[in-house]
Amino acid sequence: MIISFNKEKIEITSKRKLFIMGVIIAILNPIFSGLVITYVFLTEPKLRKEGKIILVISFVWAIVLAYLIEWLKIGGYI
């Protein structure tokens, strides 16, 4: 991974590593951290496609977790 610092922007050449990191963050905490990392990705022109994918993963996982928690409450597990 090569990081070059210019006065106006930071360039990181490993888009795949950033994307995997963003997906992991969205899975671990889909509501807040997932939306923050999505915002960061969407503000970078080269990472917009990955940002949209992370946004979808974050929302879908948040909905799944909400239903799972409700199901566990009804079953008496929580």
C-alpha atoms as a PDB file:
ATOM      1  CA  MET A   1       0.000   0.000   0.000  1.00  0.00           C
ATOM      2  CA  ILE A   2       1.478   3.311  -1.061  1.00  0.00           C
ATOM      3  CA  ILE A   3       0.358   6.484   0.655  1.00  0.00           C
ATOM      4  CA  SER A   4       1.360   9.810  -0.835  1.00  0.00           C
ATOM      5  CA  PHE A   5       0.607  13.050   0.940  1.00  0.00           C
ATOM      6  CA  ASN A   6      -0.094  16.118  -1.148  1.00  0.00           C
ATOM      7  CA  LYS A   7      -1.328  19.416   0.201  1.00  0.00           C
ATOM      8  CA  GLU A   8      -4.839  18.827  -1.145  1.00  0.00           C
ATOM      9  CA  LYS A   9      -5.445  15.085  -0.961  1.00  0.00           C
ATOM     10  CA  ILE A  10      -4.214  11.754   0.339  1.00  0.00           C
ATOM     11  CA  GLU A  11      -3.895   8.979  -2.227  1.00  0.00           C
ATOM     12  CA  ILE A  12      -4.040   5.365  -1.138  1.00  0.00           C
ATOM     13  CA  THR A  13      -3.390   2.941  -3.973  1.00  0.00           C
ATOM     14  CA  SER A  14      -4.920  -0.180  -2.474  1.00  0.00           C
ATOM     15  CA  LYS A  15      -8.652   0.260  -3.150  1.00  0.00           C
ATOM     16  CA  ARG A  16      -9.354  -3.403  -2.449  1.00  0.00           C
ATOM     17  CA  LYS A  17      -7.926  -3.230   1.090  1.00  0.00           C
ATOM     18  CA  LEU A  18      -9.976  -0.119   1.805  1.00  0.00           C
ATOM     19  CA  PHE A  19     -13.109  -1.786   0.460  1.00  0.00           C
ATOM     20  CA  ILE A  20     -12.633  -4.898   2.610  1.00  0.00           C
ATOM     21  CA  MET A  21     -11.977  -2.714   5.643  1.00  0.00           C
ATOM     22  CA  GLY A  22     -15.153  -0.734   4.922  1.00  0.00           C
ATOM     23  CA  VAL A  23     -17.250  -3.905   4.641  1.00  0.00           C
ATOM     24  CA  ILE A  24     -15.873  -5.235   7.931  1.00  0.00           C
ATOM     25  CA  ILE A  25     -16.646  -1.935   9.674  1.00  0.00           C
ATOM     26  CA  ALA A  26     -20.178  -1.920   8.232  1.00  0.00           C
ATOM     27  CA  ILE A  27     -20.756  -5.472   9.491  1.00  0.00           C
ATOM     28  CA  LEU A  28     -19.412  -4.805  12.981  1.00  0.00           C
ATOM     29  CA  ASN A  29     -21.421  -1.629  13.498  1.00  0.00           C
ATOM     30  CA  PRO A  30     -23.867  -1.070  10.628  1.00  0.00           C
ATOM     31  CA  ILE A  31     -25.658   2.018  11.851  1.00  0.00           C
ATOM     32  CA  PHE A  32     -23.075   4.606  12.831  1.00  0.00           C
ATOM     33  CA  SER A  33     -19.673   3.373  11.699  1.00  0.00           C
ATOM     34  CA  GLY A  34     -21.094   1.909   8.495  1.00  0.00           C
ATOM     35  CA  LEU A  35     -22.644   5.230   7.561  1.00  0.00           C
ATOM     36  CA  VAL A  36     -19.506   7.182   8.457  1.00  0.00           C
ATOM     37  CA  ILE A  37     -17.244   4.966   6.355  1.00  0.00           C
ATOM     38  CA  THR A  38     -19.816   5.119   3.534  1.00  0.00           C
ATOM     39  CA  TYR A  39     -19.700   8.916   3.644  1.00  0.00           C
ATOM     40  CA  VAL A  40     -15.901   8.829   3.408  1.00  0.00           C
ATOM     41  CA  PHE A  41     -16.036   6.495   0.412  1.00  0.00           C
ATOM     42  CA  LEU A  42     -18.725   8.517  -1.377  1.00  0.00           C
ATOM     43  CA  THR A  43     -16.748  11.755  -1.063  1.00  0.00           C
ATOM     44  CA  GLU A  44     -13.810  10.230  -2.937  1.00  0.00           C
ATOM     45  CA  PRO A  45     -14.442  10.134  -6.713  1.00  0.00           C
ATOM     46  CA  LYS A  46     -12.465   6.918  -7.237  1.00  0.00           C
ATOM     47  CA  LEU A  47     -14.269   5.054  -4.429  1.00  0.00           C
ATOM     48  CA  ARG A  48     -17.924   5.913  -5.186  1.00  0.00           C
ATOM     49  CA  LYS A  49     -18.832   2.440  -6.462  1.00  0.00           C
ATOM     50  CA  GLU A  50     -17.385   0.802  -3.346  1.00  0.00           C
ATOM     51  CA  GLY A  51     -19.160   3.370  -1.151  1.00  0.00           C
ATOM     52  CA  LYS A  52     -22.531   2.467  -2.640  1.00  0.00           C
ATOM     53  CA  ILE A  53     -21.881  -1.228  -2.050  1.00  0.00           C
ATOM     54  CA  ILE A  54     -20.915  -0.582   1.580  1.00  0.00           C
ATOM     55  CA  LEU A  55     -24.033   1.572   2.044  1.00  0.00           C
ATOM     56  CA  VAL A  56     -26.271  -1.276   0.850  1.00  0.00           C
ATOM     57  CA  ILE A  57     -24.443  -3.817   3.028  1.00  0.00           C
ATOM     58  CA  SER A  58     -24.759  -1.521   6.031  1.00  0.00           C
ATOM     59  CA  PHE A  59     -28.512  -0.986   5.614  1.00  0.00           C
ATOM     60  CA  VAL A  60     -29.300  -4.626   4.869  1.00  0.00           C
ATOM     61  CA  TRP A  61     -27.239  -5.861   7.815  1.00  0.00           C
ATOM     62  CA  ALA A  62     -28.889  -3.299  10.143  1.00  0.00           C
ATOM     63  CA  ILE A  63     -32.339  -4.553   9.102  1.00  0.00           C
ATOM     64  CA  VAL A  64     -31.291  -8.199   9.555  1.00  0.00           C
ATOM     65  CA  LEU A  65     -29.920  -7.427  13.017  1.00  0.00           C
ATOM     66  CA  ALA A  66     -33.115  -5.617  14.027  1.00  0.00           C
ATOM     67  CA  TYR A  67     -35.248  -8.613  13.036  1.00  0.00           C
ATOM     68  CA  LEU A  68     -32.824 -11.051  14.655  1.00  0.00           C
ATOM     69  CA  ILE A  69     -32.861  -9.160  17.951  1.00  0.00           C
ATOM     70  CA  GLU A  70     -36.667  -8.976  17.893  1.00  0.00           C
ATOM     71  CA  TRP A  71     -36.885 -12.707  17.163  1.00  0.00           C
ATOM     72  CA  LEU A  72     -34.516 -13.467  20.041  1.00  0.00           C
ATOM     73  CA  LYS A  73     -36.605 -11.301  22.380  1.00  0.00           C
ATOM     74  CA  ILE A  74     -39.817 -13.080  21.415  1.00  0.00           C
ATOM     75  CA  GLY A  75     -38.128 -16.462  21.913  1.00  0.00           C
ATOM     76  CA  GLY A  76     -37.010 -15.439  25.403  1.00  0.00           C
ATOM     77  CA  TYR A  77     -33.311 -15.668  24.641  1.00  0.00           C
ATOM     78  CA  ILE A  78     -32.656 -12.007  25.396  1.00  0.00           C
END
